[in-house]
Structure formats: C-alpha cells, structure tokens
Protein backbone atom coordinates (compact mmCIF):
# COMPACT_ATOMS: atom_id res chain seq x y z
CA MET A 1 0.00 0.00 -0.01
CA ALA A 2 1.38 3.40 -0.94
CA ALA A 3 1.93 5.74 1.96
CA VAL A 4 -0.44 8.70 2.14
CA ARG A 5 1.57 11.61 3.43
CA ARG A 6 -0.18 14.25 5.51
CA ARG A 7 1.01 17.68 6.52
CA SER A 8 1.82 18.16 10.20
CA THR A 9 -1.20 19.58 11.98
CA ARG A 10 -2.17 20.48 15.53
CA ALA A 11 -4.63 17.59 15.51
CA ARG A 12 -2.05 14.93 14.76
CA THR A 13 0.43 16.56 17.15
CA ALA A 14 -2.12 16.13 19.92
CA VAL A 15 -2.87 12.56 18.92
CA PHE A 16 0.77 11.56 19.32
CA ALA A 17 1.44 13.56 22.52
CA PRO A 18 2.76 11.49 25.46
CA ILE A 19 0.18 9.26 27.12
CA GLY A 20 1.60 9.79 30.61
CA GLU A 21 1.82 7.53 33.62
CA LEU A 22 -1.17 5.38 32.64
CA GLY A 23 0.43 4.48 29.29
CA ARG A 24 -0.98 1.01 28.91
CA ALA A 25 -1.83 -0.61 25.58
CA VAL A 26 -5.55 0.00 26.03
CA ARG A 27 -4.98 3.74 26.46
CA VAL A 28 -2.85 3.88 23.30
CA GLU A 29 -5.40 1.80 21.40
CA GLN A 30 -8.32 3.96 22.60
CA ARG A 31 -6.63 7.22 21.65
CA LEU A 32 -5.67 6.03 18.18
CA ALA A 33 -9.07 4.38 17.59
CA GLN A 34 -10.90 7.55 18.59
CA ALA A 35 -8.60 9.63 16.37
CA ILE A 36 -9.33 7.32 13.43
CA ARG A 37 -13.07 7.27 13.97
CA SER A 38 -13.26 11.03 14.42
CA GLY A 39 -11.36 11.62 11.18
CA ILE A 40 -8.30 13.21 12.74
CA LEU A 41 -6.21 10.34 11.31
CA GLU A 42 -7.24 9.82 7.71
CA ASP A 43 -7.82 6.73 5.66
CA GLY A 44 -4.55 5.55 4.13
CA GLU A 45 -2.39 7.61 6.48
CA ARG A 46 0.83 5.92 7.49
CA LEU A 47 1.34 5.66 11.23
CA PRO A 48 4.72 5.99 12.94
CA SER A 49 6.64 2.76 13.41
CA GLU A 50 6.26 0.81 16.65
CA SER A 51 9.43 2.30 18.09
CA GLU A 52 8.56 5.82 16.93
CA LEU A 53 5.03 5.51 18.26
CA ALA A 54 6.33 4.28 21.63
CA SER A 55 8.79 7.18 21.85
CA MET A 56 6.17 9.80 20.90
CA LEU A 57 3.58 8.45 23.37
CA GLY A 58 6.05 7.82 26.14
CA VAL A 59 5.33 4.08 26.43
CA ALA A 60 7.27 0.85 25.93
CA THR A 61 7.61 -0.54 22.42
CA VAL A 62 5.76 -3.68 23.48
CA THR A 63 2.82 -1.50 24.58
CA ALA A 64 2.66 0.22 21.22
CA ARG A 65 2.87 -3.19 19.49
CA GLU A 66 -0.03 -4.54 21.56
CA ALA A 67 -2.16 -1.47 20.73
CA LEU A 68 -1.51 -1.91 17.00
CA VAL A 69 -2.48 -5.60 17.26
CA SER A 70 -5.81 -4.53 18.77
CA LEU A 71 -6.37 -1.88 16.12
CA ARG A 72 -5.70 -4.44 13.38
CA ALA A 73 -8.22 -6.76 14.96
CA GLN A 74 -10.80 -3.97 14.78
CA GLY A 75 -10.02 -3.36 11.13
CA LEU A 76 -8.77 0.17 11.81
CA VAL A 77 -5.14 -0.48 10.86
CA THR A 78 -3.50 -2.61 8.19
CA THR A 79 0.17 -3.57 8.41
CA THR A 80 2.25 -4.48 5.32
CA ARG A 81 5.83 -5.72 5.16
CA GLY A 82 8.72 -4.94 2.87
CA ARG A 83 9.76 -1.76 1.13
CA GLY A 84 7.15 0.93 1.63
CA GLY A 85 5.50 -1.13 4.32
CA GLY A 86 4.22 -0.09 7.71
CA SER A 87 0.95 0.37 9.55
CA PHE A 88 -1.76 2.33 7.68
CA VAL A 89 -5.09 3.70 8.78
CA THR A 90 -7.96 1.77 7.21
CA ARG A 91 -11.11 3.64 8.05
CA PRO A 92 -14.17 1.80 6.64
CA VAL A 93 -16.68 4.66 6.60
CA GLY A 94 -19.81 2.52 6.80
CA ALA A 95 -18.51 0.32 9.61
CA THR A 96 -17.24 3.36 11.50
CA ASP A 97 -20.62 5.05 11.23
CA ASP A 98 -22.21 1.90 12.58
CA VAL A 99 -19.89 2.04 15.58
CA LEU A 100 -20.74 5.69 16.18
CA GLU A 101 -24.47 5.04 15.89
CA ARG A 102 -24.21 2.24 18.45
CA ARG A 103 -22.54 4.70 20.79
CA VAL A 104 -25.40 7.16 20.24
CA ALA A 105 -27.98 4.42 20.90
CA ALA A 106 -26.23 3.51 24.19
CA MET A 107 -26.47 7.11 25.45
CA THR A 108 -29.42 8.66 27.22
CA ARG A 109 -30.89 12.01 26.21
CA VAL A 110 -29.42 13.43 29.41
CA ASP A 111 -25.96 12.13 28.41
CA ILE A 112 -26.24 13.80 25.00
CA ALA A 113 -27.41 17.09 26.49
CA ASP A 114 -24.65 17.08 29.13
CA HIS A 115 -21.92 16.32 26.59
CA GLY A 116 -23.41 18.98 24.33
CA ILE A 117 -23.25 21.66 27.02
CA HIS A 118 -19.62 20.85 27.74
CA TYR A 119 -18.72 20.75 24.02
CA ALA A 120 -20.48 24.02 23.23
CA THR A 121 -19.07 25.86 26.24
CA VAL A 122 -15.44 24.83 25.60
CA LEU A 123 -15.52 25.38 21.82
CA SER A 124 -17.32 28.72 22.01
CA GLY A 125 -14.87 29.93 24.66
CA CYS A 126 -11.95 28.99 22.43
CA ALA A 127 -13.54 30.79 19.49
CA GLU A 128 -13.97 33.95 21.59
CA LEU A 129 -10.35 33.86 22.70
CA ALA A 130 -9.15 33.13 19.14
CA ALA A 131 -11.06 36.20 17.91
CA GLU A 132 -9.35 38.33 20.52
CA ARG A 133 -5.85 37.02 19.82
CA ALA A 134 -5.48 35.80 16.23
CA ASN A 135 -3.38 37.87 13.83
CA VAL A 136 -3.76 38.09 10.03
CA GLU A 137 -1.38 35.21 9.35
CA GLU A 138 -3.15 32.92 11.79
CA VAL A 139 -6.52 33.69 10.22
CA GLU A 140 -5.09 32.78 6.83
CA ASP A 141 -3.80 29.50 8.33
CA LEU A 142 -7.37 28.77 9.38
CA ARG A 143 -8.65 29.52 5.86
CA ALA A 144 -6.04 27.11 4.42
CA ILE A 145 -7.70 24.25 6.33
CA LEU A 146 -11.00 24.66 4.44
CA PRO A 147 -11.63 22.38 1.42
CA PRO A 148 -12.44 23.47 -2.14
CA ASP A 149 -16.02 24.64 -2.71
CA ASP A 150 -16.92 21.51 -4.70
CA THR A 151 -15.93 19.08 -1.96
CA ASP A 152 -18.78 16.66 -1.16
CA ASP A 153 -16.95 13.82 0.59
CA ALA A 154 -18.29 13.22 4.14
CA ALA A 155 -14.91 11.98 5.47
CA THR A 156 -13.16 15.11 4.19
CA TRP A 157 -15.74 17.41 5.78
CA ARG A 158 -15.47 15.57 9.08
CA HIS A 159 -11.69 15.84 9.06
CA VAL A 160 -11.78 19.54 8.07
CA ASP A 161 -14.27 20.45 10.74
CA THR A 162 -12.31 18.61 13.42
CA GLU A 163 -9.05 20.16 12.30
CA LEU A 164 -10.53 23.67 12.26
CA ASN A 165 -11.87 23.29 15.80
CA LEU A 166 -8.47 22.13 17.05
CA ALA A 167 -6.72 24.98 15.23
CA VAL A 168 -9.10 27.52 16.76
CA ALA A 169 -8.49 25.95 20.18
CA ALA A 170 -4.75 26.34 19.68
CA LEU A 171 -5.28 30.07 19.03
CA SER A 172 -6.74 30.39 22.54
CA HIS A 173 -3.09 30.12 23.73
CA SER A 174 -4.26 27.74 26.44
CA ALA A 175 -2.71 24.24 26.51
CA HIS A 176 -5.45 23.10 28.90
CA LEU A 177 -8.24 24.21 26.55
CA ALA A 178 -6.49 22.71 23.54
CA ARG A 179 -6.20 19.34 25.31
CA ASP A 180 -9.83 19.54 26.41
CA VAL A 181 -10.99 20.19 22.84
CA MET A 182 -8.88 17.27 21.61
CA ARG A 183 -10.53 14.95 24.11
CA LEU A 184 -14.03 16.24 23.32
CA GLU A 185 -13.45 15.82 19.58
CA MET A 186 -12.41 12.21 20.01
CA GLU A 187 -15.18 11.37 22.52
CA PHE A 188 -18.13 13.35 21.17
CA GLY A 189 -17.35 15.36 18.04
CA GLY A 190 -17.60 12.34 15.75
CA LEU A 191 -21.18 11.73 16.92
CA LEU A 192 -22.20 15.25 15.95
CA ARG A 193 -20.72 14.77 12.46
CA LEU A 194 -22.66 11.64 11.53
CA GLY A 195 -24.84 13.59 9.09
CA PHE A 196 -21.99 15.28 7.22
CA GLY A 197 -22.62 13.13 4.13
CA HIS A 198 -25.74 15.11 3.30
CA ALA A 199 -25.56 18.11 0.95
CA ASP A 200 -27.65 20.35 3.23
CA GLN A 201 -25.30 19.66 6.12
CA GLN A 202 -22.28 20.54 4.01
CA SER A 203 -23.91 23.75 2.82
CA ALA A 204 -24.65 24.74 6.41
CA LEU A 205 -21.11 23.83 7.40
CA ARG A 206 -19.65 26.12 4.68
CA ASP A 207 -21.79 28.97 6.00
CA HIS A 208 -20.68 28.25 9.57
CA HIS A 209 -17.00 28.18 8.68
CA SER A 210 -17.33 31.44 6.73
CA ALA A 211 -19.15 33.17 9.59
CA LEU A 212 -16.68 31.91 12.21
CA LEU A 213 -13.61 32.97 10.27
CA ALA A 214 -15.19 36.37 9.57
CA ALA A 215 -15.81 36.88 13.29
CA ILE A 216 -12.25 35.82 14.17
CA ALA A 217 -10.76 38.04 11.44
CA SER A 218 -12.71 41.05 12.71
CA HIS A 219 -11.79 40.28 16.34
CA ASP A 220 -15.42 39.99 17.30
CA GLY A 221 -15.31 37.56 20.22
CA ASN A 222 -19.00 37.80 21.03
CA GLU A 223 -19.97 36.91 17.46
CA ALA A 224 -17.48 34.03 17.33
CA ARG A 225 -18.97 32.61 20.49
CA ARG A 226 -22.52 33.06 19.16
CA VAL A 227 -21.72 31.35 15.85
CA VAL A 228 -20.23 28.31 17.53
CA ARG A 229 -22.99 27.95 20.06
CA ALA A 230 -25.69 28.23 17.39
CA ARG A 231 -24.04 25.56 15.28
CA VAL A 232 -23.55 23.13 18.16
CA ARG A 233 -27.20 23.69 19.19
CA ARG A 234 -28.35 22.74 15.69
CA LEU A 235 -26.13 19.64 15.55
CA LEU A 236 -27.33 18.55 18.99
CA GLY A 237 -30.90 18.78 17.75
CA GLU A 238 -30.05 16.52 14.80
CA LEU A 239 -28.21 14.10 17.07
CA ALA A 240 -31.24 13.94 19.35
CA GLU A 241 -33.42 13.08 16.36
CA LEU A 242 -31.03 10.32 15.33
CA HIS A 243 -31.04 9.01 18.91
CA ALA A 244 -34.83 8.84 18.90
CA ARG A 245 -34.85 6.92 15.60
CA ILE A 246 -32.28 4.26 16.52
CA ARG A 247 -33.21 3.63 20.18
C-alpha cells in the first residue's frame, strides 16, 4: 500500500502527545481508535513505526505493539511488510458510522445534552479567545484548512471540521483548553458529524466556517462565540433526532 503523506497539523500533534503515567496498551489503542473514527487520522495515512510511536507516546515498544495488534483486529489499521511497508489507517466509513451510531444508541438524552453543554461551552470559549488574539497570518492559516467549494466527501468534511476546531483551540493560547478540545473531539465530536454526508449539512457547514472565520478576522469575540454555540445547538438537535430513531 502506498503511503499517504499528511502535513503536520495540531490535531495529529495532539494525537501523538505522550500518554503519561497510565500508558498502557488499552490507552494507546483507545486514543488512536478515537482519532481514526473522528477523522483526525485519515484513511490511508501511514502511522509512525512501533518504536517511533512508543517514543512519541512515552510508552514501551511492546505497549505500542499490543495497541496496533488490537487496532488491526478492529479493522482500523492494516500492516504491510517490505519496502514501503508499515501500519496504515484503514477507516471503513460505513462500519465506522455503525460504531458511532451504536454509541449514540447507548447514550441517554441526558448524556447527550450534558456532553453537548460541555462541548459548546469549551468550543465557543476557544472561538472567543481566538477572535481576541489571532493575527492576520493565523486567520489565513485557518482559511487554508478549508476544502475546495466543490468538496462533497463526508470523510473530508469531518476531518476539516475537526481540524478547524483544534486549530481555533490552539489560538486560545491555552494548553489546557487545547487538550480539552482534543478529548471532546475524540469522545463526542464524531457523533455530531454523523450527518455530514448530506448536501444540506455541508452547505450549512460552509456557511458556519465562513461566519466563524469572519468573526475571528474582525476580532469579534462575542460573534465568534454566538456562531459556535448556534451551530452546536443545531447539531445537537439533529443528534437527538437520530437518537430517537435508533433507540
């Protein structure tokens, strides 16, 4: 399999940050699995080698190896040998959506609302801070994340939206907030993006991105916060409707 090379981004930097003291195989496997399912790590992307992964995450090589074995068993990673070999992300969109829908079905309406409040509060706060602090170059960096106007691939939109949220969080200049957004994106963001394959969702997403970047560029923190909260509120409504259908 040919390696798909990706530019270095804040999202992938956070994915491969040290695990810490509780660096067991299950923690490594969970972080990488969530990153794959949320779209932070893209289909076909080549992962670091076992030794590189262990070094980046701050765990033993055997721990990284065990995590990759588990990911292969889940069909989220494929490993090939020989020249050009390695471990590659294999993100089966349909199967991944099934996994996410099962997670939605297992939640209560109270769970969804509680996660939504946390998600909206943290992301809108980051957007407000980014609007206060971002310079012209940083705003252009945000614009560079957005896909071409004719993009209609759900996986691309999910990845772009996740990446933009993480980039905005980084502009808050708070490491704690950036880590919190990373965790929220892996745990909950993917559920909110289940409908991104529909044209009306993608049109609304383009409008949201445009309004958010305009607010940040004009240093209007109140508007940036309002835009994010309004969008999350709409996505939560759609998630609640999905929850009611599949329960």
